Amino acid sequence: MGKVTIMPETIKNPYTFIGACSGVAYDSDVTDDKKNYRRGKQCVADGHGRVLEFIDVYMVIEGYSTRTMREIMRHVGDGLTVVQRSTRYCNENGFEYYTPSSIDKNKTALKTYQDAMAAIEKSYNDLIGAGVPKEDAANLLPLGINTKLSMKKNARCLMDMSRVRLCNRALKEARDFMNDVVNALKDYSPEWNELANQIFMPKCEALGFCNEKFSCGKYPKKVID
């Protein structure tokens, strides 16, 4: 089971900070936090997405597979600021890994999956024992191995991620990860709870229709003449 921890460097009052930054455009009084809060919330409601780029979210992410994190790190709308646990320097003896629900609920498949992971772990340890450097033995490690990383993303990029990663047809682990990010931010502060409810959603909810070729059926597909 994965875990997302919001680091204290993340601003607790995103609306207020957005309001202070955007107030410059209007020669507004930015010394009043109540006015800043209202202005910031209205800017987001009006779809001024660029103001969300002022808000950086710092996270520690652990317990998700390398496969899913590789996909998540392709969201580079704000550049990529990330440090990942190194299989070059860290010993992966006893590594944990992700088990999809389709395997977990099938006893025969689960045994096959677990036996394969155990064989990889044994081979990895045998290589280390034979004097092979960790960085070389790590080539055996599966994409399903759990990893840990620290990441910085701005709120606009996270909003964009939510549009595709909260889709019912997204990879389940990626959907779980995105929900964990949203819930961690909701718990971080009252303003984040409001902002998260306002901006994080699958794109069908934002658009009012599904624009994908294949749909889950939650929203009607867009009709193209």
Protein backbone atom coordinates (compact mmCIF):
# COMPACT_ATOMS: atom_id res chain seq x y z
CA MET A 1 0.00 0.00 0.00
CA GLY A 2 1.43 3.35 -1.03
CA LYS A 3 1.86 6.48 1.02
CA VAL A 4 2.14 10.17 0.12
CA THR A 5 3.55 12.59 2.69
CA ILE A 6 3.26 16.32 2.06
CA MET A 7 6.46 18.04 3.16
CA PRO A 8 6.21 21.16 5.37
CA GLU A 9 7.83 23.29 2.65
CA THR A 10 4.46 23.17 0.85
CA ILE A 11 2.45 26.36 1.37
CA LYS A 12 -0.54 25.75 3.64
CA ASN A 13 -2.65 28.63 2.30
CA PRO A 14 -2.58 28.29 -1.49
CA TYR A 15 -5.58 30.57 -2.20
CA THR A 16 -4.15 33.33 -0.04
CA PHE A 17 -0.74 33.10 -1.68
CA ILE A 18 -2.27 33.04 -5.18
CA GLY A 19 -4.31 36.10 -4.28
CA ALA A 20 -1.23 37.97 -3.11
CA CYS A 21 0.66 37.10 -6.29
CA SER A 22 -2.20 37.89 -8.67
CA GLY A 23 -3.10 41.09 -6.83
CA VAL A 24 -0.08 42.74 -8.40
CA ALA A 25 -1.90 42.69 -11.76
CA TYR A 26 -4.71 44.88 -10.37
CA ASP A 27 -2.79 47.17 -8.00
CA SER A 28 -4.79 45.49 -5.24
CA ASP A 29 -4.15 45.66 -1.52
CA VAL A 30 -2.13 42.49 -0.92
CA THR A 31 -1.61 43.14 2.80
CA ASP A 32 -5.09 41.83 3.66
CA ASP A 33 -5.10 38.02 3.74
CA LYS A 34 -8.91 37.83 3.63
CA LYS A 35 -8.95 39.81 0.39
CA ASN A 36 -6.06 37.74 -0.95
CA TYR A 37 -7.96 34.54 -0.15
CA ARG A 38 -11.08 35.69 -1.98
CA ARG A 39 -9.08 36.96 -4.95
CA GLY A 40 -7.08 33.74 -5.20
CA LYS A 41 -10.16 31.55 -5.06
CA GLN A 42 -11.87 33.63 -7.74
CA CYS A 43 -8.82 33.47 -10.01
CA VAL A 44 -8.90 29.67 -9.86
CA ALA A 45 -12.67 29.61 -10.39
CA ASP A 46 -12.24 31.85 -13.45
CA GLY A 47 -9.84 29.32 -14.97
CA HIS A 48 -6.69 31.40 -14.66
CA GLY A 49 -4.56 28.28 -14.57
CA ARG A 50 -1.23 30.08 -14.58
CA VAL A 51 -1.78 31.30 -11.01
CA LEU A 52 -1.70 27.65 -9.87
CA GLU A 53 1.93 27.55 -11.01
CA PHE A 54 2.85 29.71 -7.99
CA ILE A 55 2.01 26.80 -5.70
CA ASP A 56 4.68 24.12 -5.39
CA VAL A 57 3.84 20.84 -3.68
CA TYR A 58 6.71 18.92 -2.08
CA MET A 59 6.01 15.23 -1.50
CA VAL A 60 7.69 12.07 -0.26
CA ILE A 61 6.25 9.11 -2.13
CA GLU A 62 6.77 5.49 -1.11
CA GLY A 63 5.26 2.05 -1.57
CA TYR A 64 4.36 2.37 -5.27
CA SER A 65 5.90 0.32 -8.03
CA THR A 66 8.75 1.56 -10.18
CA ARG A 67 6.51 0.93 -13.19
CA THR A 68 3.83 3.34 -12.02
CA MET A 69 6.28 5.98 -10.84
CA ARG A 70 7.95 5.88 -14.24
CA GLU A 71 4.59 6.76 -15.78
CA ILE A 72 3.94 9.51 -13.21
CA MET A 73 7.32 11.09 -13.90
CA ARG A 74 6.31 11.59 -17.53
CA HIS A 75 4.05 14.44 -16.40
CA VAL A 76 6.68 17.14 -16.92
CA GLY A 77 4.49 20.19 -17.52
CA ASP A 78 6.49 22.05 -14.86
CA GLY A 79 9.80 20.32 -15.49
CA LEU A 80 10.88 17.29 -13.49
CA THR A 81 12.15 17.79 -9.94
CA VAL A 82 12.55 14.37 -8.35
CA VAL A 83 15.03 12.24 -6.43
CA GLN A 84 14.40 8.48 -6.54
CA ARG A 85 15.74 5.68 -4.37
CA SER A 86 18.85 4.43 -6.13
CA THR A 87 19.18 0.76 -7.06
CA ARG A 88 22.85 1.54 -7.64
CA TYR A 89 23.61 2.38 -4.03
CA CYS A 90 20.79 0.73 -2.05
CA ASN A 91 20.73 -2.99 -1.31
CA GLU A 92 17.42 -4.46 -2.50
CA ASN A 93 17.57 -7.66 -0.47
CA GLY A 94 14.04 -8.31 0.77
CA PHE A 95 12.49 -5.88 -1.73
CA GLU A 96 8.75 -5.23 -1.56
CA TYR A 97 6.65 -5.24 -4.70
CA TYR A 98 3.22 -4.41 -6.09
CA THR A 99 0.65 -7.19 -6.58
CA PRO A 100 -2.25 -6.38 -8.93
CA SER A 101 -5.70 -7.36 -7.63
CA SER A 102 -6.26 -9.73 -10.57
CA ILE A 103 -3.29 -11.77 -9.35
CA ASP A 104 -3.93 -11.36 -5.64
CA LYS A 105 -7.41 -12.91 -5.85
CA ASN A 106 -6.24 -15.88 -7.95
CA LYS A 107 -4.42 -18.43 -5.76
CA THR A 108 -2.67 -20.14 -8.65
CA ALA A 109 -1.58 -16.88 -10.26
CA LEU A 110 -0.50 -15.46 -6.90
CA LYS A 111 1.78 -18.42 -6.21
CA THR A 112 3.34 -18.11 -9.67
CA TYR A 113 3.87 -14.39 -9.13
CA GLN A 114 5.34 -14.77 -5.64
CA ASP A 115 7.61 -17.64 -6.74
CA ALA A 116 8.96 -15.49 -9.57
CA MET A 117 9.66 -12.59 -7.21
CA ALA A 118 11.37 -14.94 -4.74
CA ALA A 119 13.53 -16.35 -7.54
CA ILE A 120 14.56 -12.85 -8.62
CA GLU A 121 15.44 -11.93 -5.03
CA LYS A 122 17.53 -15.11 -4.61
CA SER A 123 19.36 -14.50 -7.88
CA TYR A 124 19.99 -10.88 -6.89
CA ASN A 125 21.47 -11.96 -3.54
CA ASP A 126 23.53 -14.69 -5.23
CA LEU A 127 25.06 -12.09 -7.54
CA ILE A 128 25.84 -9.77 -4.62
CA GLY A 129 27.38 -12.72 -2.77
CA ALA A 130 29.54 -13.48 -5.80
CA GLY A 131 30.97 -9.97 -5.64
CA VAL A 132 28.85 -8.37 -8.36
CA PRO A 133 28.24 -4.65 -7.61
CA LYS A 134 24.69 -3.68 -6.60
CA GLU A 135 24.42 -1.41 -9.63
CA ASP A 136 24.91 -4.43 -11.92
CA ALA A 137 22.86 -6.95 -9.96
CA ALA A 138 20.00 -4.41 -10.03
CA ASN A 139 19.39 -5.23 -13.69
CA LEU A 140 17.46 -8.27 -12.46
CA LEU A 141 14.96 -6.20 -10.50
CA PRO A 142 11.37 -6.18 -11.80
CA LEU A 143 9.30 -3.11 -12.69
CA GLY A 144 6.92 -4.16 -9.94
CA ILE A 145 9.49 -3.47 -7.21
CA ASN A 146 8.36 -0.72 -4.84
CA THR A 147 10.35 2.48 -4.85
CA LYS A 148 10.64 5.70 -2.85
CA LEU A 149 11.14 9.24 -4.08
CA SER A 150 10.81 12.90 -3.26
CA MET A 151 9.07 15.06 -5.84
CA LYS A 152 8.11 18.67 -6.42
CA LYS A 153 5.15 19.54 -8.64
CA ASN A 154 3.18 22.74 -8.98
CA ALA A 155 -0.58 22.72 -8.52
CA ARG A 156 -1.29 23.28 -12.22
CA CYS A 157 0.69 20.21 -13.20
CA LEU A 158 -1.02 18.15 -10.48
CA MET A 159 -4.38 19.34 -11.78
CA ASP A 160 -3.42 18.15 -15.26
CA MET A 161 -2.28 14.82 -13.81
CA SER A 162 -5.61 14.37 -12.07
CA ARG A 163 -7.47 14.76 -15.37
CA VAL A 164 -5.96 11.53 -16.72
CA ARG A 165 -4.88 9.62 -13.60
CA LEU A 166 -8.30 9.79 -11.92
CA CYS A 167 -9.98 8.38 -15.02
CA ASN A 168 -11.69 5.05 -14.35
CA ARG A 169 -9.69 3.56 -17.22
CA ALA A 170 -6.31 4.66 -15.87
CA LEU A 171 -3.92 2.05 -14.52
CA LYS A 172 -5.32 1.15 -11.10
CA GLU A 173 -2.10 1.77 -9.17
CA ALA A 174 -1.72 5.17 -10.85
CA ARG A 175 -5.32 6.00 -9.94
CA ASP A 176 -4.66 4.92 -6.35
CA PHE A 177 -1.56 7.10 -6.27
CA MET A 178 -3.43 10.16 -7.56
CA ASN A 179 -6.18 9.66 -5.01
CA ASP A 180 -3.53 9.39 -2.28
CA VAL A 181 -2.00 12.70 -3.41
CA VAL A 182 -5.40 14.40 -3.39
CA ASN A 183 -6.31 13.03 0.05
CA ALA A 184 -2.91 13.97 1.51
CA LEU A 185 -3.38 17.55 0.31
CA LYS A 186 -6.94 17.67 1.63
CA ASP A 187 -5.60 16.69 5.05
CA TYR A 188 -2.71 19.17 4.86
CA SER A 189 -4.75 22.33 5.52
CA PRO A 190 -8.30 23.73 5.19
CA GLU A 191 -7.36 25.84 2.16
CA TRP A 192 -5.84 22.83 0.45
CA ASN A 193 -9.01 20.88 1.15
CA GLU A 194 -10.99 23.57 -0.69
CA LEU A 195 -8.54 23.84 -3.56
CA ALA A 196 -8.31 20.07 -4.00
CA ASN A 197 -12.08 19.79 -4.23
CA GLN A 198 -12.09 22.58 -6.82
CA ILE A 199 -9.36 21.46 -9.22
CA PHE A 200 -8.73 17.72 -8.90
CA MET A 201 -11.05 15.57 -11.02
CA PRO A 202 -11.01 13.34 -14.11
CA LYS A 203 -11.32 15.26 -17.35
CA CYS A 204 -14.83 13.93 -18.03
CA GLU A 205 -16.04 15.79 -14.93
CA ALA A 206 -14.20 18.93 -16.02
CA LEU A 207 -15.51 18.74 -19.59
CA GLY A 208 -18.98 17.32 -18.93
CA PHE A 209 -18.38 14.59 -21.51
CA CYS A 210 -15.83 11.90 -22.40
CA ASN A 211 -13.45 12.71 -25.25
CA GLU A 212 -11.66 9.35 -25.21
CA LYS A 213 -12.07 6.76 -27.98
CA PHE A 214 -12.89 4.16 -25.32
CA SER A 215 -15.13 5.27 -22.46
CA CYS A 216 -16.06 3.82 -19.08
CA GLY A 217 -19.58 5.14 -19.63
CA LYS A 218 -19.62 7.52 -16.65
CA TYR A 219 -20.25 10.48 -18.97
CA PRO A 220 -21.65 10.52 -22.52
CA LYS A 221 -19.09 10.58 -25.31
CA LYS A 222 -18.67 13.76 -27.31
CA VAL A 223 -20.55 13.55 -30.60
CA ILE A 224 -18.34 14.41 -33.58
CA ASP A 225 -20.17 15.39 -36.75
